[in-house]
Amino acid sequence: MPNILICGTPGTGKSTLAQALKEEKPNMQLINVGDIVKTNNLHDGFDEQWKSYDINIDKVCDYMEDFMEHRNVIVDHHSCDFFPERWFDLVIVLRSNNEILYPRLESRTYTQEKIQENISCEIFQVVLDSARESYKEEIVVELQSNNIEDMENNIGRIATWIDNFKE
């Protein structure tokens, strides 16, 4: 069974897609990295400027190792460059048009500075480039995530990939 990483700039629909995929494939385990960081204290404190936890990469990887070795896991996280390459069979990078992304970030009550930082990351495809640098080209897939139709198409495409997966 495959391990899948769903990553992308905040607001691109990672958690929504990951949860919908989990519902489509209930035998898979879902790990939301942000959630495990908070609930298991896998951080080095809270960054007041960015209103987020400073992830302790070693603690996160140690915590996730057993789950990943047993396979059949969907991982939801905005970045991808610190996970061991061997963990994933498919790396999905969600992308959104800035006209769609901006209101999504505003609805989260992010500061203007945080919104601009995330929009810049999307414009300069920071997460996509990071994925391409961190994993084999053939496992990195860029998908658009602007609306419900995109979401449904992405779920179908990934579910089909899972059904056809052979180790």
N, C-alpha and C. Protein backbone atom coordinates (compact mmCIF):
# COMPACT_ATOMS: atom_id res chain seq x y z
N MET A 1 0.84 -1.18 0.00
CA MET A 1 0.00 0.00 0.00
C MET A 1 0.88 1.25 0.00
N PRO A 2 0.40 2.31 -0.62
CA PRO A 2 1.24 3.50 -0.77
C PRO A 2 1.18 4.45 0.41
N ASN A 3 2.22 5.27 0.50
CA ASN A 3 2.23 6.44 1.37
C ASN A 3 2.16 7.66 0.46
N ILE A 4 1.31 8.60 0.81
CA ILE A 4 1.07 9.78 -0.01
C ILE A 4 1.27 11.03 0.83
N LEU A 5 1.99 11.99 0.27
CA LEU A 5 2.14 13.30 0.90
C LEU A 5 1.33 14.30 0.10
N ILE A 6 0.46 15.04 0.80
CA ILE A 6 -0.29 16.14 0.19
C ILE A 6 0.25 17.42 0.80
N CYS A 7 0.86 18.24 -0.05
CA CYS A 7 1.49 19.47 0.44
C CYS A 7 1.07 20.65 -0.45
N GLY A 8 1.41 21.83 0.00
CA GLY A 8 1.09 23.04 -0.76
C GLY A 8 1.02 24.22 0.18
N THR A 9 0.98 25.39 -0.41
CA THR A 9 0.86 26.63 0.35
C THR A 9 -0.40 26.57 1.21
N PRO A 10 -0.38 27.13 2.43
CA PRO A 10 -1.62 27.19 3.22
C PRO A 10 -2.77 27.79 2.40
N GLY A 11 -3.94 27.17 2.51
CA GLY A 11 -5.12 27.66 1.81
C GLY A 11 -5.39 26.99 0.48
N THR A 12 -4.52 26.08 0.06
CA THR A 12 -4.73 25.43 -1.24
C THR A 12 -5.66 24.22 -1.17
N GLY A 13 -6.08 23.84 0.02
CA GLY A 13 -7.04 22.74 0.14
C GLY A 13 -6.46 21.40 0.54
N LYS A 14 -5.28 21.41 1.14
CA LYS A 14 -4.63 20.15 1.52
C LYS A 14 -5.46 19.33 2.49
N SER A 15 -5.90 19.96 3.56
CA SER A 15 -6.64 19.22 4.59
C SER A 15 -7.99 18.74 4.07
N THR A 16 -8.64 19.55 3.27
CA THR A 16 -9.92 19.16 2.68
C THR A 16 -9.73 17.96 1.76
N LEU A 17 -8.70 18.02 0.91
CA LEU A 17 -8.42 16.90 0.01
C LEU A 17 -8.02 15.67 0.80
N ALA A 18 -7.15 15.82 1.78
CA ALA A 18 -6.69 14.67 2.57
C ALA A 18 -7.86 13.99 3.27
N GLN A 19 -8.76 14.77 3.86
CA GLN A 19 -9.91 14.21 4.56
C GLN A 19 -10.86 13.51 3.58
N ALA A 20 -11.09 14.12 2.42
CA ALA A 20 -11.96 13.51 1.41
C ALA A 20 -11.35 12.22 0.88
N LEU A 21 -10.04 12.21 0.72
CA LEU A 21 -9.36 11.00 0.26
C LEU A 21 -9.45 9.90 1.32
N LYS A 22 -9.32 10.28 2.57
CA LYS A 22 -9.47 9.32 3.68
C LYS A 22 -10.87 8.71 3.67
N GLU A 23 -11.88 9.53 3.40
CA GLU A 23 -13.25 9.02 3.31
C GLU A 23 -13.42 8.07 2.12
N GLU A 24 -12.75 8.38 1.02
CA GLU A 24 -12.79 7.54 -0.18
C GLU A 24 -12.03 6.24 0.03
N LYS A 25 -10.96 6.30 0.80
CA LYS A 25 -10.09 5.15 1.08
C LYS A 25 -9.97 4.97 2.60
N PRO A 26 -11.04 4.47 3.25
CA PRO A 26 -11.06 4.42 4.72
C PRO A 26 -10.01 3.51 5.35
N ASN A 27 -9.40 2.63 4.57
CA ASN A 27 -8.34 1.77 5.13
C ASN A 27 -7.01 2.51 5.27
N MET A 28 -6.93 3.72 4.73
CA MET A 28 -5.70 4.50 4.86
C MET A 28 -5.73 5.33 6.13
N GLN A 29 -4.56 5.56 6.69
CA GLN A 29 -4.45 6.39 7.89
C GLN A 29 -4.10 7.81 7.46
N LEU A 30 -4.69 8.79 8.13
CA LEU A 30 -4.43 10.19 7.83
C LEU A 30 -3.64 10.83 8.96
N ILE A 31 -2.53 11.46 8.62
CA ILE A 31 -1.73 12.20 9.59
C ILE A 31 -1.68 13.66 9.15
N ASN A 32 -2.28 14.52 9.96
CA ASN A 32 -2.17 15.96 9.75
C ASN A 32 -1.01 16.42 10.63
N VAL A 33 0.08 16.82 10.00
CA VAL A 33 1.30 17.13 10.74
C VAL A 33 1.07 18.27 11.74
N GLY A 34 0.33 19.29 11.34
CA GLY A 34 0.05 20.39 12.25
C GLY A 34 -0.64 19.91 13.52
N ASP A 35 -1.57 18.97 13.36
CA ASP A 35 -2.29 18.44 14.53
C ASP A 35 -1.38 17.65 15.45
N ILE A 36 -0.53 16.78 14.87
CA ILE A 36 0.33 15.96 15.74
C ILE A 36 1.39 16.82 16.41
N VAL A 37 1.81 17.89 15.75
CA VAL A 37 2.79 18.80 16.36
C VAL A 37 2.19 19.41 17.63
N LYS A 38 0.95 19.86 17.55
CA LYS A 38 0.28 20.49 18.70
C LYS A 38 -0.03 19.48 19.79
N THR A 39 -0.66 18.37 19.42
CA THR A 39 -1.14 17.42 20.43
C THR A 39 -0.03 16.62 21.10
N ASN A 40 1.11 16.48 20.43
CA ASN A 40 2.21 15.69 20.98
C ASN A 40 3.44 16.52 21.34
N ASN A 41 3.27 17.84 21.35
CA ASN A 41 4.37 18.75 21.69
C ASN A 41 5.63 18.49 20.87
N LEU A 42 5.46 18.36 19.56
CA LEU A 42 6.58 18.11 18.67
C LEU A 42 7.10 19.43 18.10
N HIS A 43 7.24 20.40 18.98
CA HIS A 43 7.65 21.74 18.56
C HIS A 43 8.62 22.34 19.58
N ASP A 44 9.20 23.47 19.17
CA ASP A 44 10.14 24.18 20.04
C ASP A 44 9.55 25.50 20.51
N GLY A 45 8.25 25.58 20.55
CA GLY A 45 7.59 26.81 21.00
C GLY A 45 6.70 27.40 19.93
N PHE A 46 6.10 28.52 20.26
CA PHE A 46 5.14 29.19 19.39
C PHE A 46 5.75 30.49 18.88
N ASP A 47 5.69 30.70 17.58
CA ASP A 47 6.19 31.91 16.95
C ASP A 47 5.06 32.94 16.91
N GLU A 48 5.18 33.96 17.73
CA GLU A 48 4.12 34.97 17.83
C GLU A 48 3.95 35.77 16.54
N GLN A 49 5.06 36.04 15.85
CA GLN A 49 4.97 36.81 14.62
C GLN A 49 4.13 36.10 13.57
N TRP A 50 4.37 34.79 13.38
CA TRP A 50 3.66 34.04 12.34
C TRP A 50 2.46 33.27 12.89
N LYS A 51 2.26 33.34 14.20
CA LYS A 51 1.13 32.65 14.85
C LYS A 51 1.11 31.16 14.49
N SER A 52 2.28 30.53 14.64
CA SER A 52 2.39 29.10 14.36
C SER A 52 3.48 28.48 15.23
N TYR A 53 3.42 27.17 15.34
CA TYR A 53 4.42 26.45 16.13
C TYR A 53 5.71 26.28 15.32
N ASP A 54 6.84 26.34 16.01
CA ASP A 54 8.14 26.05 15.41
C ASP A 54 8.33 24.54 15.49
N ILE A 55 8.15 23.88 14.38
CA ILE A 55 8.20 22.42 14.34
C ILE A 55 9.61 21.93 14.65
N ASN A 56 9.69 20.91 15.50
CA ASN A 56 10.94 20.22 15.76
C ASN A 56 10.98 19.04 14.78
N ILE A 57 11.73 19.19 13.73
CA ILE A 57 11.74 18.21 12.64
C ILE A 57 12.14 16.82 13.13
N ASP A 58 13.13 16.73 13.98
CA ASP A 58 13.57 15.43 14.50
C ASP A 58 12.45 14.74 15.26
N LYS A 59 11.76 15.49 16.12
CA LYS A 59 10.66 14.90 16.89
C LYS A 59 9.53 14.45 15.98
N VAL A 60 9.21 15.24 14.97
CA VAL A 60 8.13 14.88 14.04
C VAL A 60 8.50 13.61 13.29
N CYS A 61 9.69 13.55 12.75
CA CYS A 61 10.11 12.36 12.00
C CYS A 61 10.18 11.12 12.88
N ASP A 62 10.69 11.27 14.11
CA ASP A 62 10.72 10.13 15.03
C ASP A 62 9.31 9.65 15.34
N TYR A 63 8.39 10.57 15.57
CA TYR A 63 7.00 10.22 15.88
C TYR A 63 6.35 9.49 14.71
N MET A 64 6.62 9.93 13.49
CA MET A 64 5.95 9.39 12.31
C MET A 64 6.57 8.11 11.77
N GLU A 65 7.79 7.80 12.15
CA GLU A 65 8.53 6.69 11.54
C GLU A 65 7.75 5.37 11.51
N ASP A 66 7.21 4.94 12.64
CA ASP A 66 6.48 3.66 12.68
C ASP A 66 5.26 3.67 11.77
N PHE A 67 4.52 4.76 11.77
CA PHE A 67 3.35 4.87 10.90
C PHE A 67 3.76 4.70 9.43
N MET A 68 4.83 5.38 9.06
CA MET A 68 5.25 5.38 7.67
C MET A 68 5.79 4.02 7.25
N GLU A 69 6.47 3.32 8.14
CA GLU A 69 6.99 1.99 7.82
C GLU A 69 5.87 0.98 7.60
N HIS A 70 4.75 1.16 8.29
CA HIS A 70 3.63 0.24 8.13
C HIS A 70 2.80 0.55 6.88
N ARG A 71 3.10 1.69 6.23
CA ARG A 71 2.53 2.05 4.92
C ARG A 71 1.04 2.43 5.02
N ASN A 72 0.49 2.77 3.86
CA ASN A 72 -0.94 3.08 3.74
C ASN A 72 -1.33 4.37 4.48
N VAL A 73 -0.48 5.40 4.34
CA VAL A 73 -0.65 6.64 5.09
C VAL A 73 -0.79 7.83 4.14
N ILE A 74 -1.71 8.72 4.48
CA ILE A 74 -1.84 10.02 3.82
C ILE A 74 -1.29 11.05 4.80
N VAL A 75 -0.32 11.83 4.37
CA VAL A 75 0.27 12.87 5.22
C VAL A 75 -0.13 14.22 4.65
N ASP A 76 -0.64 15.09 5.52
CA ASP A 76 -1.09 16.43 5.17
C ASP A 76 -0.17 17.44 5.86
N HIS A 77 0.61 18.18 5.04
CA HIS A 77 1.48 19.21 5.61
C HIS A 77 1.83 20.23 4.52
N HIS A 78 2.05 21.46 4.92
CA HIS A 78 2.32 22.50 3.92
C HIS A 78 3.70 22.36 3.26
N SER A 79 4.67 21.87 3.98
CA SER A 79 6.00 21.72 3.37
C SER A 79 6.33 20.24 3.21
N CYS A 80 7.44 19.98 2.54
CA CYS A 80 7.75 18.59 2.23
C CYS A 80 9.23 18.25 2.34
N ASP A 81 10.08 19.22 2.53
CA ASP A 81 11.51 19.00 2.35
C ASP A 81 12.23 18.32 3.49
N PHE A 82 11.56 18.11 4.62
CA PHE A 82 12.29 17.48 5.73
C PHE A 82 11.95 16.01 5.92
N PHE A 83 10.95 15.51 5.22
CA PHE A 83 10.59 14.10 5.34
C PHE A 83 11.58 13.24 4.56
N PRO A 84 11.92 12.05 5.08
CA PRO A 84 12.80 11.16 4.32
C PRO A 84 12.16 10.78 2.97
N GLU A 85 12.95 10.80 1.94
CA GLU A 85 12.46 10.50 0.59
C GLU A 85 11.82 9.12 0.53
N ARG A 86 12.36 8.16 1.28
CA ARG A 86 11.88 6.78 1.22
C ARG A 86 10.45 6.62 1.70
N TRP A 87 9.93 7.61 2.41
CA TRP A 87 8.60 7.48 2.98
C TRP A 87 7.48 7.51 1.95
N PHE A 88 7.66 8.19 0.83
CA PHE A 88 6.52 8.48 -0.04
C PHE A 88 6.62 7.84 -1.42
N ASP A 89 5.46 7.40 -1.88
CA ASP A 89 5.31 6.85 -3.22
C ASP A 89 4.68 7.87 -4.16
N LEU A 90 4.00 8.85 -3.59
CA LEU A 90 3.36 9.90 -4.37
C LEU A 90 3.40 11.19 -3.55
N VAL A 91 3.81 12.29 -4.18
CA VAL A 91 3.83 13.60 -3.54
C VAL A 91 2.94 14.52 -4.36
N ILE A 92 1.81 14.90 -3.78
CA ILE A 92 0.86 15.80 -4.43
C ILE A 92 1.16 17.22 -3.95
N VAL A 93 1.34 18.14 -4.89
CA VAL A 93 1.52 19.55 -4.56
C VAL A 93 0.28 20.29 -5.08
N LEU A 94 -0.53 20.78 -4.15
CA LEU A 94 -1.72 21.53 -4.55
C LEU A 94 -1.35 22.98 -4.84
N ARG A 95 -1.95 23.52 -5.89
CA ARG A 95 -1.72 24.91 -6.29
C ARG A 95 -3.07 25.59 -6.45
N SER A 96 -3.11 26.87 -6.15
CA SER A 96 -4.33 27.66 -6.33
C SER A 96 -3.99 29.00 -6.95
N ASN A 97 -4.92 29.51 -7.77
CA ASN A 97 -4.77 30.86 -8.31
C ASN A 97 -4.84 31.85 -7.17
N ASN A 98 -4.06 32.91 -7.26
CA ASN A 98 -4.01 33.90 -6.18
C ASN A 98 -5.35 34.59 -5.93
N GLU A 99 -6.17 34.73 -6.97
CA GLU A 99 -7.49 35.34 -6.79
C GLU A 99 -8.39 34.45 -5.92
N ILE A 100 -8.11 33.17 -5.90
CA ILE A 100 -8.85 32.20 -5.07
C ILE A 100 -8.17 32.10 -3.69
N LEU A 101 -6.86 32.04 -3.70
CA LEU A 101 -6.09 31.82 -2.48
C LEU A 101 -6.23 32.98 -1.49
N TYR A 102 -6.15 34.19 -1.98
CA TYR A 102 -6.17 35.37 -1.11
C TYR A 102 -7.39 35.39 -0.19
N PRO A 103 -8.61 35.26 -0.73
CA PRO A 103 -9.78 35.26 0.17
C PRO A 103 -9.80 34.06 1.15
N ARG A 104 -9.26 32.93 0.72
CA ARG A 104 -9.18 31.79 1.64
C ARG A 104 -8.30 32.13 2.84
N LEU A 105 -7.17 32.78 2.58
CA LEU A 105 -6.26 33.15 3.67
C LEU A 105 -6.87 34.24 4.54
N GLU A 106 -7.55 35.20 3.93
CA GLU A 106 -8.23 36.25 4.70
C GLU A 106 -9.26 35.66 5.65
N SER A 107 -9.98 34.64 5.19
CA SER A 107 -11.03 34.03 6.02
C SER A 107 -10.46 33.33 7.25
N ARG A 108 -9.17 33.06 7.24
CA ARG A 108 -8.49 32.45 8.39
C ARG A 108 -8.01 33.50 9.39
N THR A 109 -8.31 34.73 9.11
CA THR A 109 -7.88 35.87 9.93
C THR A 109 -6.36 35.94 10.10
N TYR A 110 -5.64 35.57 9.05
CA TYR A 110 -4.20 35.73 9.04
C TYR A 110 -3.87 37.21 9.01
N THR A 111 -2.71 37.57 9.52
CA THR A 111 -2.25 38.95 9.41
C THR A 111 -1.94 39.23 7.93
N GLN A 112 -1.93 40.51 7.58
CA GLN A 112 -1.61 40.88 6.21
C GLN A 112 -0.21 40.39 5.83
N GLU A 113 0.72 40.45 6.78
CA GLU A 113 2.09 39.98 6.53
C GLU A 113 2.11 38.48 6.21
N LYS A 114 1.34 37.71 6.96
CA LYS A 114 1.29 36.26 6.73
C LYS A 114 0.60 35.94 5.40
N ILE A 115 -0.44 36.69 5.07
CA ILE A 115 -1.11 36.50 3.78
C ILE A 115 -0.13 36.77 2.65
N GLN A 116 0.58 37.88 2.72
CA GLN A 116 1.52 38.24 1.66
C GLN A 116 2.64 37.21 1.53
N GLU A 117 3.12 36.71 2.65
CA GLU A 117 4.16 35.68 2.63
C GLU A 117 3.67 34.43 1.90
N ASN A 118 2.44 34.00 2.22
CA ASN A 118 1.89 32.81 1.58
C ASN A 118 1.59 33.03 0.10
N ILE A 119 1.10 34.20 -0.24
CA ILE A 119 0.84 34.51 -1.65
C ILE A 119 2.15 34.51 -2.43
N SER A 120 3.19 35.10 -1.86
CA SER A 120 4.51 35.10 -2.51
C SER A 120 5.02 33.67 -2.71
N CYS A 121 4.84 32.84 -1.71
CA CYS A 121 5.26 31.44 -1.83
C CYS A 121 4.53 30.75 -2.98
N GLU A 122 3.26 31.05 -3.14
CA GLU A 122 2.49 30.45 -4.22
C GLU A 122 2.93 30.99 -5.58
N ILE A 123 3.13 32.30 -5.66
CA ILE A 123 3.58 32.91 -6.92
C ILE A 123 4.91 32.30 -7.37
N PHE A 124 5.82 32.15 -6.44
CA PHE A 124 7.16 31.65 -6.77
C PHE A 124 7.25 30.13 -6.66
N GLN A 125 6.11 29.46 -6.55
CA GLN A 125 5.99 28.00 -6.48
C GLN A 125 7.04 27.36 -5.57
N VAL A 126 7.17 27.92 -4.37
CA VAL A 126 8.17 27.47 -3.40
C VAL A 126 7.96 26.00 -3.03
N VAL A 127 6.73 25.61 -2.75
CA VAL A 127 6.49 24.22 -2.33
C VAL A 127 6.72 23.26 -3.49
N LEU A 128 6.26 23.63 -4.68
CA LEU A 128 6.48 22.77 -5.85
C LEU A 128 7.97 22.59 -6.12
N ASP A 129 8.72 23.66 -6.10
CA ASP A 129 10.17 23.54 -6.33
C ASP A 129 10.83 22.70 -5.25
N SER A 130 10.40 22.87 -4.02
CA SER A 130 10.95 22.08 -2.92
C SER A 130 10.65 20.60 -3.12
N ALA A 131 9.44 20.28 -3.54
CA ALA A 131 9.07 18.88 -3.79
C ALA A 131 9.91 18.29 -4.92
N ARG A 132 10.10 19.07 -5.97
CA ARG A 132 10.90 18.59 -7.10
C ARG A 132 12.37 18.39 -6.72
N GLU A 133 12.86 19.19 -5.78
CA GLU A 133 14.24 19.05 -5.32
C GLU A 133 14.40 17.90 -4.32
N SER A 134 13.33 17.56 -3.61
CA SER A 134 13.40 16.59 -2.52
C SER A 134 13.04 15.16 -2.90
N TYR A 135 12.29 15.00 -4.01
CA TYR A 135 11.77 13.68 -4.38
C TYR A 135 12.01 13.40 -5.86
N LYS A 136 11.93 12.14 -6.22
CA LYS A 136 12.08 11.75 -7.61
C LYS A 136 11.00 12.43 -8.45
N GLU A 137 11.40 12.89 -9.61
CA GLU A 137 10.51 13.63 -10.50
C GLU A 137 9.22 12.87 -10.79
N GLU A 138 9.32 11.56 -10.96
CA GLU A 138 8.15 10.78 -11.37
C GLU A 138 7.10 10.62 -10.27
N ILE A 139 7.43 10.94 -9.02
CA ILE A 139 6.41 10.81 -7.97
C ILE A 139 5.79 12.15 -7.57
N VAL A 140 6.30 13.25 -8.10
CA VAL A 140 5.77 14.58 -7.76
C VAL A 140 4.72 14.98 -8.79
N VAL A 141 3.51 15.27 -8.30
CA VAL A 141 2.41 15.64 -9.17
C VAL A 141 1.81 16.97 -8.70
N GLU A 142 1.73 17.91 -9.60
CA GLU A 142 1.14 19.22 -9.33
C GLU A 142 -0.33 19.18 -9.74
N LEU A 143 -1.23 19.55 -8.82
CA LEU A 143 -2.66 19.57 -9.11
C LEU A 143 -3.26 20.92 -8.75
N GLN A 144 -4.16 21.41 -9.58
CA GLN A 144 -4.86 22.66 -9.30
C GLN A 144 -5.96 22.41 -8.28
N SER A 145 -6.18 23.39 -7.43
CA SER A 145 -7.19 23.26 -6.37
C SER A 145 -7.88 24.61 -6.18
N ASN A 146 -8.73 24.95 -7.15
CA ASN A 146 -9.40 26.25 -7.13
C ASN A 146 -10.88 26.18 -6.79
N ASN A 147 -11.48 24.99 -6.97
CA ASN A 147 -12.93 24.88 -6.78
C ASN A 147 -13.32 23.43 -6.49
N ILE A 148 -14.60 23.22 -6.28
CA ILE A 148 -15.11 21.88 -5.96
C ILE A 148 -14.83 20.89 -7.10
N GLU A 149 -14.97 21.35 -8.33
CA GLU A 149 -14.71 20.47 -9.48
C GLU A 149 -13.26 19.98 -9.46
N ASP A 150 -12.32 20.90 -9.20
CA ASP A 150 -10.91 20.49 -9.09
C ASP A 150 -10.76 19.46 -7.98
N MET A 151 -11.39 19.72 -6.83
CA MET A 151 -11.27 18.81 -5.69
C MET A 151 -11.79 17.41 -6.05
N GLU A 152 -12.95 17.37 -6.67
CA GLU A 152 -13.52 16.06 -7.05
C GLU A 152 -12.63 15.34 -8.05
N ASN A 153 -12.12 16.07 -9.03
CA ASN A 153 -11.21 15.47 -10.02
C ASN A 153 -9.94 14.96 -9.35
N ASN A 154 -9.41 15.73 -8.41
CA ASN A 154 -8.19 15.32 -7.70
C ASN A 154 -8.42 14.06 -6.88
N ILE A 155 -9.55 14.00 -6.18
CA ILE A 155 -9.87 12.80 -5.40
C ILE A 155 -9.95 11.58 -6.31
N GLY A 156 -10.64 11.73 -7.41
CA GLY A 156 -10.78 10.62 -8.35
C GLY A 156 -9.44 10.18 -8.92
N ARG A 157 -8.63 11.14 -9.28
CA ARG A 157 -7.32 10.83 -9.86
C ARG A 157 -6.42 10.11 -8.86
N ILE A 158 -6.38 10.60 -7.63
CA ILE A 158 -5.53 9.97 -6.61
C ILE A 158 -6.08 8.59 -6.22
N ALA A 159 -7.39 8.48 -6.09
CA ALA A 159 -8.00 7.19 -5.75
C ALA A 159 -7.68 6.15 -6.82
N THR A 160 -7.74 6.54 -8.08
CA THR A 160 -7.40 5.62 -9.17
C THR A 160 -5.93 5.23 -9.07
N TRP A 161 -5.06 6.20 -8.78
CA TRP A 161 -3.64 5.90 -8.63
C TRP A 161 -3.44 4.89 -7.51
N ILE A 162 -4.12 5.07 -6.37
CA ILE A 162 -4.01 4.14 -5.25
C ILE A 162 -4.45 2.74 -5.66
N ASP A 163 -5.59 2.66 -6.37
CA ASP A 163 -6.10 1.36 -6.82
C ASP A 163 -5.12 0.64 -7.72
N ASN A 164 -4.35 1.39 -8.49
CA ASN A 164 -3.40 0.79 -9.44
C ASN A 164 -1.99 0.66 -8.90
N PHE A 165 -1.78 1.07 -7.65
CA PHE A 165 -0.44 1.08 -7.07
C PHE A 165 0.09 -0.34 -6.89
N LYS A 166 1.34 -0.51 -7.30
CA LYS A 166 2.07 -1.77 -7.09
C LYS A 166 3.43 -1.41 -6.55
N GLU A 167 3.81 -2.05 -5.45
CA GLU A 167 5.14 -1.75 -4.85
C GLU A 167 6.25 -2.36 -5.66
